[in-house]
N, C-alpha and C. Protein backbone atom coordinates (compact mmCIF):
# COMPACT_ATOMS: atom_id res chain seq x y z
N MET A 1 18.60 42.01 -4.75
CA MET A 1 18.60 43.26 -4.72
C MET A 1 17.30 43.65 -4.12
N ALA A 2 17.21 44.61 -2.89
CA ALA A 2 16.36 45.28 -2.36
C ALA A 2 15.44 46.27 -3.56
N ILE A 3 14.15 46.22 -3.20
CA ILE A 3 13.24 46.78 -4.40
C ILE A 3 12.72 47.83 -3.58
N HIS A 4 12.00 47.58 -2.27
CA HIS A 4 11.01 48.46 -1.48
C HIS A 4 12.20 49.61 -0.86
N LEU A 5 11.75 50.37 -0.52
CA LEU A 5 12.53 51.69 0.06
C LEU A 5 12.80 51.34 1.55
N SER A 6 11.95 50.61 2.09
CA SER A 6 12.23 50.34 3.35
C SER A 6 13.05 49.04 3.37
N ALA A 7 13.30 48.32 2.45
CA ALA A 7 14.63 47.23 2.37
C ALA A 7 15.87 47.90 1.47
N ILE A 8 15.60 48.99 1.01
CA ILE A 8 17.01 49.35 0.73
C ILE A 8 17.54 50.43 1.66
N LYS A 9 16.94 51.01 2.32
CA LYS A 9 17.27 51.71 4.12
C LYS A 9 17.99 50.32 4.68
N ARG A 10 17.22 49.34 4.90
CA ARG A 10 17.56 48.32 5.94
C ARG A 10 18.77 47.83 5.50
N ALA A 11 18.88 47.70 4.05
CA ALA A 11 20.32 47.14 3.45
C ALA A 11 21.47 48.24 3.74
N ARG A 12 21.12 49.49 3.50
CA ARG A 12 22.34 50.85 3.93
C ARG A 12 22.38 50.31 5.42
N GLN A 13 21.34 50.02 6.05
CA GLN A 13 21.95 50.17 7.77
C GLN A 13 22.68 49.01 7.89
N ASN A 14 22.41 48.01 7.49
CA ASN A 14 23.06 46.39 7.64
C ASN A 14 24.74 46.64 7.35
N LEU A 15 24.83 47.27 6.16
CA LEU A 15 26.19 47.65 5.46
C LEU A 15 27.12 48.44 6.60
N LYS A 16 26.42 49.58 7.05
CA LYS A 16 27.16 50.26 8.19
C LYS A 16 27.42 49.79 9.47
N ARG A 17 26.23 48.60 9.70
CA ARG A 17 26.83 48.03 11.00
C ARG A 17 27.47 46.90 10.75
N ARG A 18 27.48 46.11 9.66
CA ARG A 18 28.56 45.04 9.55
C ARG A 18 29.88 45.51 9.49
N LEU A 19 30.21 46.88 9.11
CA LEU A 19 31.46 47.33 8.91
C LEU A 19 31.88 47.94 10.40
N ARG A 20 31.07 48.59 10.97
CA ARG A 20 31.23 48.84 12.51
C ARG A 20 31.60 47.71 13.17
N ASN A 21 30.73 46.64 12.96
CA ASN A 21 31.04 45.62 13.78
C ASN A 21 32.38 45.03 13.44
N ARG A 22 32.69 44.78 12.17
CA ARG A 22 33.86 44.10 11.91
C ARG A 22 35.42 44.99 12.34
N ALA A 23 35.09 46.42 12.32
CA ALA A 23 36.29 46.94 12.96
C ALA A 23 36.20 46.95 14.63
N LEU A 24 35.18 46.91 15.24
CA LEU A 24 35.18 46.50 16.50
C LEU A 24 35.89 45.41 17.05
N ARG A 25 35.28 44.26 16.26
CA ARG A 25 35.69 42.67 16.20
C ARG A 25 37.19 42.69 16.14
N SER A 26 37.64 43.40 14.99
CA SER A 26 39.21 43.46 14.86
C SER A 26 39.90 44.11 16.11
N ALA A 27 39.57 45.10 16.33
CA ALA A 27 40.35 45.82 17.38
C ALA A 27 40.19 45.00 18.73
N PHE A 28 39.07 44.13 19.06
CA PHE A 28 38.92 43.58 20.15
C PHE A 28 39.89 42.32 19.94
N ARG A 29 40.16 41.66 18.84
CA ARG A 29 40.83 40.66 18.68
C ARG A 29 42.34 41.08 18.68
N SER A 30 42.84 42.14 18.14
CA SER A 30 44.09 42.75 18.21
C SER A 30 44.67 42.67 19.61
N ALA A 31 43.67 43.43 20.17
CA ALA A 31 43.88 43.99 21.61
C ALA A 31 44.01 42.82 22.43
N LEU A 32 43.50 41.64 22.24
CA LEU A 32 43.60 40.31 23.11
C LEU A 32 44.66 39.49 22.68
N LYS A 33 45.21 39.55 21.46
CA LYS A 33 46.50 38.95 21.05
C LYS A 33 47.67 39.73 21.73
N LYS A 34 47.41 41.10 21.68
CA LYS A 34 48.73 41.97 22.32
C LYS A 34 48.87 41.51 23.86
N TYR A 35 47.73 41.45 24.38
CA TYR A 35 47.70 41.17 25.86
C TYR A 35 48.35 39.81 26.13
N ARG A 36 48.11 38.93 25.29
CA ARG A 36 48.41 37.46 25.21
C ARG A 36 49.77 37.39 25.18
N GLU A 37 50.30 38.25 24.41
CA GLU A 37 51.91 38.12 24.00
C GLU A 37 52.72 38.83 25.44
N LEU A 38 52.01 39.83 25.78
CA LEU A 38 52.38 40.18 27.29
C LEU A 38 52.72 39.18 28.10
N LEU A 39 51.52 38.50 28.34
CA LEU A 39 51.61 37.45 29.55
C LEU A 39 52.65 36.29 28.97
N ALA A 40 52.82 36.00 27.85
CA ALA A 40 53.70 35.21 27.33
C ALA A 40 55.15 35.39 27.58
N ALA A 41 55.29 36.74 27.44
CA ALA A 41 56.69 37.35 27.43
C ALA A 41 56.84 37.68 29.30
N LYS A 42 56.01 37.13 29.87
CA LYS A 42 56.30 37.43 31.32
C LYS A 42 56.56 38.52 31.76
N ASP A 43 55.82 39.91 30.97
CA ASP A 43 56.10 41.12 31.65
C ASP A 43 54.87 41.63 32.57
N ILE A 44 55.33 41.25 33.53
CA ILE A 44 54.20 41.79 34.68
C ILE A 44 53.46 43.22 34.67
N PRO A 45 54.59 44.20 34.91
CA PRO A 45 53.79 45.56 34.88
C PRO A 45 53.13 45.70 33.44
N GLY A 46 53.58 45.38 32.30
CA GLY A 46 52.86 45.35 31.01
C GLY A 46 51.64 44.91 30.87
N ALA A 47 51.69 43.63 31.63
CA ALA A 47 50.33 42.89 31.58
C ALA A 47 49.36 43.40 32.28
N GLN A 48 49.79 44.19 33.45
CA GLN A 48 48.74 44.89 34.31
C GLN A 48 48.10 45.94 33.61
N ALA A 49 49.12 46.99 32.99
CA ALA A 49 48.61 47.99 32.18
C ALA A 49 47.51 47.41 30.98
N GLY A 50 48.33 46.42 30.47
CA GLY A 50 47.58 45.78 29.35
C GLY A 50 46.07 45.28 29.71
N PHE A 51 45.90 44.81 30.91
CA PHE A 51 44.65 44.11 31.37
C PHE A 51 43.66 45.43 31.59
N GLN A 52 43.99 46.66 32.08
CA GLN A 52 43.08 47.57 32.24
C GLN A 52 42.73 48.13 30.69
N GLN A 53 43.67 47.72 29.83
CA GLN A 53 43.07 48.42 28.33
C GLN A 53 42.28 47.20 27.48
N ILE A 54 42.58 45.84 27.88
CA ILE A 54 41.92 44.95 27.49
C ILE A 54 40.44 45.00 28.17
N GLN A 55 40.27 45.44 29.17
CA GLN A 55 39.07 45.51 29.81
C GLN A 55 38.19 46.38 29.50
N ALA A 56 38.66 47.58 29.32
CA ALA A 56 37.90 48.74 28.52
C ALA A 56 37.53 48.39 26.94
N VAL A 57 38.13 47.48 26.20
CA VAL A 57 37.84 47.13 24.82
C VAL A 57 36.84 45.97 24.85
N ILE A 58 37.00 45.08 25.70
CA ILE A 58 35.74 44.21 25.95
C ILE A 58 34.46 44.87 26.35
N ASP A 59 34.62 45.87 27.33
CA ASP A 59 33.26 46.42 27.85
C ASP A 59 32.76 47.29 26.55
N ARG A 60 33.60 47.86 25.73
CA ARG A 60 32.95 48.56 24.68
C ARG A 60 32.34 47.38 23.44
N ALA A 61 32.92 46.39 23.38
CA ALA A 61 32.63 45.34 22.48
C ALA A 61 31.12 44.89 23.02
N VAL A 62 30.94 44.90 24.36
CA VAL A 62 29.74 44.39 24.98
C VAL A 62 28.71 45.82 24.76
N THR A 63 29.01 47.01 24.69
CA THR A 63 27.94 47.70 24.58
C THR A 63 27.65 48.05 23.44
N LYS A 64 28.45 47.67 22.29
CA LYS A 64 28.27 47.85 21.09
C LYS A 64 27.39 46.49 20.47
N GLY A 65 27.53 45.59 21.31
CA GLY A 65 26.67 44.42 20.72
C GLY A 65 27.60 43.40 19.90
N VAL A 66 28.74 43.44 20.01
CA VAL A 66 29.66 42.91 19.36
C VAL A 66 29.82 41.29 19.89
N ILE A 67 29.95 41.52 21.26
CA ILE A 67 29.73 40.21 22.14
C ILE A 67 28.88 40.14 23.09
N HIS A 68 28.54 39.25 23.72
CA HIS A 68 27.46 38.92 24.63
C HIS A 68 28.37 39.48 26.22
N ARG A 69 27.36 39.94 26.86
CA ARG A 69 27.78 40.47 28.08
C ARG A 69 28.61 39.11 28.93
N ASN A 70 27.80 38.08 28.90
CA ASN A 70 28.50 36.84 29.58
C ASN A 70 29.60 36.36 29.34
N ASN A 71 29.70 36.42 27.71
CA ASN A 71 31.02 35.83 26.94
C ASN A 71 32.31 36.98 27.52
N ALA A 72 31.87 38.60 27.97
CA ALA A 72 32.77 39.38 28.22
C ALA A 72 33.04 39.12 29.44
N ALA A 73 32.16 38.84 30.49
CA ALA A 73 32.49 38.32 32.05
C ALA A 73 33.62 37.11 31.89
N ARG A 74 33.22 36.14 30.92
CA ARG A 74 33.98 35.09 31.20
C ARG A 74 35.58 35.43 30.64
N ARG A 75 35.76 36.11 29.82
CA ARG A 75 36.75 36.30 29.19
C ARG A 75 37.75 37.09 30.21
N LYS A 76 37.08 38.17 30.68
CA LYS A 76 37.91 39.15 31.64
C LYS A 76 38.21 38.10 32.74
N SER A 77 37.45 37.46 33.31
CA SER A 77 37.66 36.39 34.30
C SER A 77 38.92 35.32 34.18
N ARG A 78 39.16 34.89 32.75
CA ARG A 78 40.11 33.92 32.24
C ARG A 78 41.29 34.96 32.30
N LEU A 79 41.50 36.28 31.71
CA LEU A 79 42.51 36.93 31.76
C LEU A 79 42.87 37.41 32.78
N PHE A 80 42.12 37.71 33.75
CA PHE A 80 42.55 38.38 34.95
C PHE A 80 43.46 36.73 35.95
N ALA A 81 42.74 35.97 35.48
CA ALA A 81 43.07 34.52 36.27
C ALA A 81 44.58 34.37 35.59
N ALA A 82 44.78 34.43 34.33
CA ALA A 82 46.16 34.17 33.78
C ALA A 82 47.21 35.02 34.51
N LEU A 83 46.51 36.67 34.56
CA LEU A 83 47.58 37.80 35.14
C LEU A 83 47.61 37.38 36.66
N LYS A 84 47.01 36.61 37.51
CA LYS A 84 47.22 36.51 38.67
C LYS A 84 48.32 34.83 38.96
N LYS A 85 48.08 34.49 37.92
CA LYS A 85 49.05 33.14 37.89
C LYS A 85 50.10 33.73 37.48
N LEU A 86 50.59 34.34 36.51
CA LEU A 86 52.03 35.07 36.28
C LEU A 86 52.58 35.67 37.49
N GLN A 87 51.69 36.43 38.31
CA GLN A 87 52.36 37.33 39.49
C GLN A 87 52.65 36.23 40.41
N ALA A 88 52.01 35.47 40.56
CA ALA A 88 52.21 34.20 41.60
C ALA A 88 53.32 33.49 41.28
N ALA A 89 53.78 33.14 40.36
CA ALA A 89 54.84 32.54 40.02
C ALA A 89 56.19 33.23 39.70
């Protein structure tokens, strides 16, 4: 348990940040799952709209520090490639 005032404050900050990060990570994973379900269902219009939403969620996760920007770029690239593959089929 923290004893110094600065350590108590740091523990309080860490708790708030951990809860915020967990909520953002959960929203990110849920949106990703929803988008992948649209791709699996071969719903092209829904997947196109879903891509816009997942892109926003990914960018928000980057700005909040939940995932690294290169990780986000890689994910967006792969998700867009999957959408293009679905459209081509």
